[in-house]
Amino acid sequence: MIETPRLTLMPLTLDQLRLHIANKYELEQTLGLQKGSRQAWEPVLSIIVHFTIPRLQNPKLDPMYHTMWLAVDREKKQFVAEAKFKGEPDETGAIEIGYGTYPGFQRKGYMTEMVGGMLNWARQQPGVQRVVADTTAENVASQKVLEKNDFRLFDQIEDMLWWEISI
């Protein structure tokens, strides 16, 4: 787990991930949290089913780089956001991060805080030298999250912007 000023970032176990995609409140109940707007929507649901779960079942892979991390607002006792790395460091030491804030919790700084916490964790991992992320050109909120965490724009392919930070 990772602690930030307001959040606890939890890497989900395989069993917790299965509860997460069931779209019921069993995950919150097992963790003593309040119901909120957490839900696995497409395309994240397909990513979890077709990539995340199979990779978590592979003992050769480090689950911390493949699972979903959920952010809990400790005061509200609710899930507010999620993020995940998209695999272990590549041959250049790069890992990619993806993220999203749940409805009702957007524009409150949660994602900036969560990405910052994930970066702090990544800085402590052997072999990680750089974190990359992508956003669409229209997704200004996501771009601001990256800018506030000192990412810099390094490429654009059509409407997709690519960002990086050396750590």
C-alpha atoms as a PDB file:
ATOM      1  CA  MET A   1       0.000   0.000   0.000  1.00  0.00           C
ATOM      2  CA  ILE A   2       0.980   3.588  -0.576  1.00  0.00           C
ATOM      3  CA  GLU A   3      -0.030   6.460   1.686  1.00  0.00           C
ATOM      4  CA  THR A   4      -0.463  10.020   0.391  1.00  0.00           C
ATOM      5  CA  PRO A   5      -1.893  12.967   2.351  1.00  0.00           C
ATOM      6  CA  ARG A   6      -5.542  11.962   1.752  1.00  0.00           C
ATOM      7  CA  LEU A   7      -5.347   8.578   0.103  1.00  0.00           C
ATOM      8  CA  THR A   8      -4.410   4.974   0.645  1.00  0.00           C
ATOM      9  CA  LEU A   9      -3.448   3.334  -2.654  1.00  0.00           C
ATOM     10  CA  MET A  10      -4.215  -0.380  -2.619  1.00  0.00           C
ATOM     11  CA  PRO A  11      -2.856  -2.882  -5.134  1.00  0.00           C
ATOM     12  CA  LEU A  12      -5.699  -5.381  -5.544  1.00  0.00           C
ATOM     13  CA  THR A  13      -5.135  -9.086  -5.052  1.00  0.00           C
ATOM     14  CA  LEU A  14      -6.581 -11.475  -7.626  1.00  0.00           C
ATOM     15  CA  ASP A  15      -9.598 -12.162  -5.391  1.00  0.00           C
ATOM     16  CA  GLN A  16     -10.156  -8.450  -4.784  1.00  0.00           C
ATOM     17  CA  LEU A  17      -9.865  -7.779  -8.522  1.00  0.00           C
ATOM     18  CA  ARG A  18     -12.600 -10.340  -9.186  1.00  0.00           C
ATOM     19  CA  LEU A  19     -14.830  -8.574  -6.655  1.00  0.00           C
ATOM     20  CA  HIS A  20     -13.996  -5.258  -8.345  1.00  0.00           C
ATOM     21  CA  ILE A  21     -15.298  -6.405 -11.726  1.00  0.00           C
ATOM     22  CA  ALA A  22     -18.398  -8.037 -10.232  1.00  0.00           C
ATOM     23  CA  ASN A  23     -19.779  -4.463  -9.917  1.00  0.00           C
ATOM     24  CA  LYS A  24     -21.289  -5.171  -6.548  1.00  0.00           C
ATOM     25  CA  TYR A  25     -20.267  -3.651  -3.256  1.00  0.00           C
ATOM     26  CA  GLU A  26     -18.673  -6.823  -1.889  1.00  0.00           C
ATOM     27  CA  LEU A  27     -15.209  -5.317  -2.285  1.00  0.00           C
ATOM     28  CA  GLU A  28     -16.194  -2.326  -0.158  1.00  0.00           C
ATOM     29  CA  GLN A  29     -17.872  -4.616   2.393  1.00  0.00           C
ATOM     30  CA  THR A  30     -14.788  -6.830   2.756  1.00  0.00           C
ATOM     31  CA  LEU A  31     -12.637  -3.741   3.343  1.00  0.00           C
ATOM     32  CA  GLY A  32     -15.059  -1.869   5.618  1.00  0.00           C
ATOM     33  CA  LEU A  33     -15.588   0.967   3.135  1.00  0.00           C
ATOM     34  CA  GLN A  34     -18.631   3.000   2.121  1.00  0.00           C
ATOM     35  CA  LYS A  35     -20.448   2.389  -1.147  1.00  0.00           C
ATOM     36  CA  GLY A  36     -19.479   4.846  -3.858  1.00  0.00           C
ATOM     37  CA  SER A  37     -19.392   5.162  -7.612  1.00  0.00           C
ATOM     38  CA  ARG A  38     -16.672   2.556  -8.201  1.00  0.00           C
ATOM     39  CA  GLN A  39     -17.443   0.497 -11.267  1.00  0.00           C
ATOM     40  CA  ALA A  40     -15.386  -1.285 -13.906  1.00  0.00           C
ATOM     41  CA  TRP A  41     -16.515   0.235 -17.210  1.00  0.00           C
ATOM     42  CA  GLU A  42     -15.334  -0.505 -20.716  1.00  0.00           C
ATOM     43  CA  PRO A  43     -12.607  -0.469 -21.907  1.00  0.00           C
ATOM     44  CA  VAL A  44     -11.115  -1.026 -18.426  1.00  0.00           C
ATOM     45  CA  LEU A  45     -13.332  -4.065 -17.816  1.00  0.00           C
ATOM     46  CA  SER A  46     -11.988  -5.799 -20.938  1.00  0.00           C
ATOM     47  CA  ILE A  47      -8.410  -4.927 -19.981  1.00  0.00           C
ATOM     48  CA  ILE A  48      -8.918  -6.480 -16.553  1.00  0.00           C
ATOM     49  CA  VAL A  49     -10.585  -9.636 -17.908  1.00  0.00           C
ATOM     50  CA  HIS A  50      -8.278 -10.249 -20.882  1.00  0.00           C
ATOM     51  CA  PHE A  51      -4.933  -8.931 -19.620  1.00  0.00           C
ATOM     52  CA  THR A  52      -4.807  -8.153 -15.895  1.00  0.00           C
ATOM     53  CA  ILE A  53      -6.341 -11.354 -14.496  1.00  0.00           C
ATOM     54  CA  PRO A  54      -4.313 -13.697 -16.749  1.00  0.00           C
ATOM     55  CA  ARG A  55      -1.112 -11.834 -15.852  1.00  0.00           C
ATOM     56  CA  LEU A  56      -1.884 -12.005 -12.136  1.00  0.00           C
ATOM     57  CA  GLN A  57      -2.247 -15.761 -12.537  1.00  0.00           C
ATOM     58  CA  ASN A  58       1.280 -15.985 -13.996  1.00  0.00           C
ATOM     59  CA  PRO A  59       3.729 -16.501 -11.107  1.00  0.00           C
ATOM     60  CA  LYS A  60       6.642 -15.285 -13.275  1.00  0.00           C
ATOM     61  CA  LEU A  61       5.199 -11.752 -13.434  1.00  0.00           C
ATOM     62  CA  ASP A  62       5.357  -9.166 -10.652  1.00  0.00           C
ATOM     63  CA  PRO A  63       1.712  -8.531  -9.688  1.00  0.00           C
ATOM     64  CA  MET A  64       2.430  -4.956  -8.553  1.00  0.00           C
ATOM     65  CA  TYR A  65       3.073  -3.998 -12.195  1.00  0.00           C
ATOM     66  CA  HIS A  66      -0.066  -5.713 -13.495  1.00  0.00           C
ATOM     67  CA  THR A  67      -2.863  -5.254 -10.967  1.00  0.00           C
ATOM     68  CA  MET A  68      -5.276  -2.369 -10.525  1.00  0.00           C
ATOM     69  CA  TRP A  69      -4.459   0.036  -7.721  1.00  0.00           C
ATOM     70  CA  LEU A  70      -7.508   1.646  -6.104  1.00  0.00           C
ATOM     71  CA  ALA A  71      -7.364   4.916  -4.176  1.00  0.00           C
ATOM     72  CA  VAL A  72      -9.325   5.162  -0.928  1.00  0.00           C
ATOM     73  CA  ASP A  73     -10.106   8.581   0.507  1.00  0.00           C
ATOM     74  CA  ARG A  74      -9.406   7.791   4.154  1.00  0.00           C
ATOM     75  CA  GLU A  75     -11.783  10.472   5.472  1.00  0.00           C
ATOM     76  CA  LYS A  76     -14.705   9.505   3.222  1.00  0.00           C
ATOM     77  CA  LYS A  77     -13.862   5.773   3.449  1.00  0.00           C
ATOM     78  CA  GLN A  78     -14.637   5.419  -0.275  1.00  0.00           C
ATOM     79  CA  PHE A  79     -12.847   4.425  -3.442  1.00  0.00           C
ATOM     80  CA  VAL A  80     -12.281   7.560  -5.512  1.00  0.00           C
ATOM     81  CA  ALA A  81      -9.938   6.545  -8.353  1.00  0.00           C
ATOM     82  CA  GLU A  82      -7.918   3.765  -9.946  1.00  0.00           C
ATOM     83  CA  ALA A  83      -4.618   3.392 -11.749  1.00  0.00           C
ATOM     84  CA  LYS A  84      -2.389   0.658 -13.073  1.00  0.00           C
ATOM     85  CA  PHE A  85       1.019   0.119 -14.509  1.00  0.00           C
ATOM     86  CA  LYS A  86       0.989  -1.706 -17.825  1.00  0.00           C
ATOM     87  CA  GLY A  87       3.763  -4.175 -17.053  1.00  0.00           C
ATOM     88  CA  GLU A  88       7.278  -4.419 -15.691  1.00  0.00           C
ATOM     89  CA  PRO A  89      10.043  -2.076 -16.843  1.00  0.00           C
ATOM     90  CA  ASP A  90      11.036  -2.593 -20.472  1.00  0.00           C
ATOM     91  CA  GLU A  91      14.625  -2.804 -21.724  1.00  0.00           C
ATOM     92  CA  THR A  92      14.968   0.990 -21.364  1.00  0.00           C
ATOM     93  CA  GLY A  93      13.640   1.008 -17.776  1.00  0.00           C
ATOM     94  CA  ALA A  94      10.283   2.491 -18.796  1.00  0.00           C
ATOM     95  CA  ILE A  95       6.909   1.619 -17.323  1.00  0.00           C
ATOM     96  CA  GLU A  96       3.570   2.969 -18.484  1.00  0.00           C
ATOM     97  CA  ILE A  97       0.769   4.175 -16.228  1.00  0.00           C
ATOM     98  CA  GLY A  98      -2.952   4.535 -16.923  1.00  0.00           C
ATOM     99  CA  TYR A  99      -5.543   6.025 -14.575  1.00  0.00           C
ATOM    100  CA  GLY A 100      -9.082   7.265 -14.036  1.00  0.00           C
ATOM    101  CA  THR A 101     -11.153   9.044 -11.404  1.00  0.00           C
ATOM    102  CA  TYR A 102     -14.632   7.789 -10.513  1.00  0.00           C
ATOM    103  CA  PRO A 103     -17.680   9.988 -11.220  1.00  0.00           C
ATOM    104  CA  GLY A 104     -18.412  12.430  -8.438  1.00  0.00           C
ATOM    105  CA  PHE A 105     -14.754  12.628  -7.425  1.00  0.00           C
ATOM    106  CA  GLN A 106     -13.320  14.372 -10.473  1.00  0.00           C
ATOM    107  CA  ARG A 107     -11.672  17.788 -10.265  1.00  0.00           C
ATOM    108  CA  LYS A 108     -10.772  17.372  -6.601  1.00  0.00           C
ATOM    109  CA  GLY A 109      -7.064  16.620  -7.053  1.00  0.00           C
ATOM    110  CA  TYR A 110      -7.370  12.901  -6.336  1.00  0.00           C
ATOM    111  CA  MET A 111      -5.722  11.771  -9.544  1.00  0.00           C
ATOM    112  CA  THR A 112      -2.832  14.215  -9.218  1.00  0.00           C
ATOM    113  CA  GLU A 113      -2.251  12.865  -5.716  1.00  0.00           C
ATOM    114  CA  MET A 114      -2.619   9.238  -6.796  1.00  0.00           C
ATOM    115  CA  VAL A 115      -0.219   9.557  -9.734  1.00  0.00           C
ATOM    116  CA  GLY A 116       2.259  11.291  -7.405  1.00  0.00           C
ATOM    117  CA  GLY A 117       2.024   8.385  -4.958  1.00  0.00           C
ATOM    118  CA  MET A 118       2.484   5.848  -7.745  1.00  0.00           C
ATOM    119  CA  LEU A 119       5.550   7.764  -8.970  1.00  0.00           C
ATOM    120  CA  ASN A 120       7.037   7.694  -5.471  1.00  0.00           C
ATOM    121  CA  TRP A 121       6.540   3.930  -5.384  1.00  0.00           C
ATOM    122  CA  ALA A 122       8.092   3.557  -8.865  1.00  0.00           C
ATOM    123  CA  ARG A 123      11.158   5.557  -7.785  1.00  0.00           C
ATOM    124  CA  GLN A 124      11.904   2.860  -5.215  1.00  0.00           C
ATOM    125  CA  GLN A 125      11.703  -0.044  -7.690  1.00  0.00           C
ATOM    126  CA  PRO A 126      14.866  -1.491  -9.193  1.00  0.00           C
ATOM    127  CA  GLY A 127      15.106  -1.100 -12.946  1.00  0.00           C
ATOM    128  CA  VAL A 128      12.570   1.722 -13.256  1.00  0.00           C
ATOM    129  CA  GLN A 129      14.101   4.806 -14.855  1.00  0.00           C
ATOM    130  CA  ARG A 130      11.148   6.440 -16.562  1.00  0.00           C
ATOM    131  CA  VAL A 131       7.340   6.481 -16.407  1.00  0.00           C
ATOM    132  CA  VAL A 132       5.291   7.184 -19.528  1.00  0.00           C
ATOM    133  CA  ALA A 133       1.605   7.939 -20.033  1.00  0.00           C
ATOM    134  CA  ASP A 134      -0.667   8.817 -22.913  1.00  0.00           C
ATOM    135  CA  THR A 135      -3.659  11.126 -23.180  1.00  0.00           C
ATOM    136  CA  THR A 136      -5.854  12.238 -26.009  1.00  0.00           C
ATOM    137  CA  ALA A 137      -5.363  15.811 -27.183  1.00  0.00           C
ATOM    138  CA  GLU A 138      -8.873  16.642 -25.914  1.00  0.00           C
ATOM    139  CA  ASN A 139      -8.322  15.281 -22.390  1.00  0.00           C
ATOM    140  CA  VAL A 140      -7.059  18.467 -20.759  1.00  0.00           C
ATOM    141  CA  ALA A 141      -7.805  17.211 -17.218  1.00  0.00           C
ATOM    142  CA  SER A 142      -5.512  14.211 -17.706  1.00  0.00           C
ATOM    143  CA  GLN A 143      -2.824  16.432 -19.207  1.00  0.00           C
ATOM    144  CA  LYS A 144      -2.975  18.683 -16.131  1.00  0.00           C
ATOM    145  CA  VAL A 145      -2.528  15.648 -13.848  1.00  0.00           C
ATOM    146  CA  LEU A 146       0.654  14.772 -15.715  1.00  0.00           C
ATOM    147  CA  GLU A 147       1.943  18.357 -15.806  1.00  0.00           C
ATOM    148  CA  LYS A 148       1.384  18.753 -12.046  1.00  0.00           C
ATOM    149  CA  ASN A 149       3.483  15.612 -11.543  1.00  0.00           C
ATOM    150  CA  ASP A 150       6.325  17.021 -13.697  1.00  0.00           C
ATOM    151  CA  PHE A 151       5.748  14.848 -16.767  1.00  0.00           C
ATOM    152  CA  ARG A 152       6.828  16.417 -20.045  1.00  0.00           C
ATOM    153  CA  LEU A 153       5.253  15.960 -23.446  1.00  0.00           C
ATOM    154  CA  PHE A 154       7.628  14.054 -25.723  1.00  0.00           C
ATOM    155  CA  ASP A 155       5.578  12.866 -28.702  1.00  0.00           C
ATOM    156  CA  GLN A 156       2.262  13.177 -30.514  1.00  0.00           C
ATOM    157  CA  ILE A 157       0.794  10.596 -32.862  1.00  0.00           C
ATOM    158  CA  GLU A 158      -2.414  11.894 -34.434  1.00  0.00           C
ATOM    159  CA  ASP A 159      -4.598  12.894 -31.451  1.00  0.00           C
ATOM    160  CA  MET A 160      -2.588  10.878 -28.881  1.00  0.00           C
ATOM    161  CA  LEU A 161      -0.108  12.755 -26.688  1.00  0.00           C
ATOM    162  CA  TRP A 162       2.770  10.864 -25.044  1.00  0.00           C
ATOM    163  CA  TRP A 163       4.243  12.060 -21.754  1.00  0.00           C
ATOM    164  CA  GLU A 164       7.248  10.987 -19.674  1.00  0.00           C
ATOM    165  CA  ILE A 165       9.105  11.622 -16.451  1.00  0.00           C
ATOM    166  CA  SER A 166      12.574  10.380 -15.580  1.00  0.00           C
ATOM    167  CA  ILE A 167      12.805   9.083 -12.041  1.00  0.00           C
END
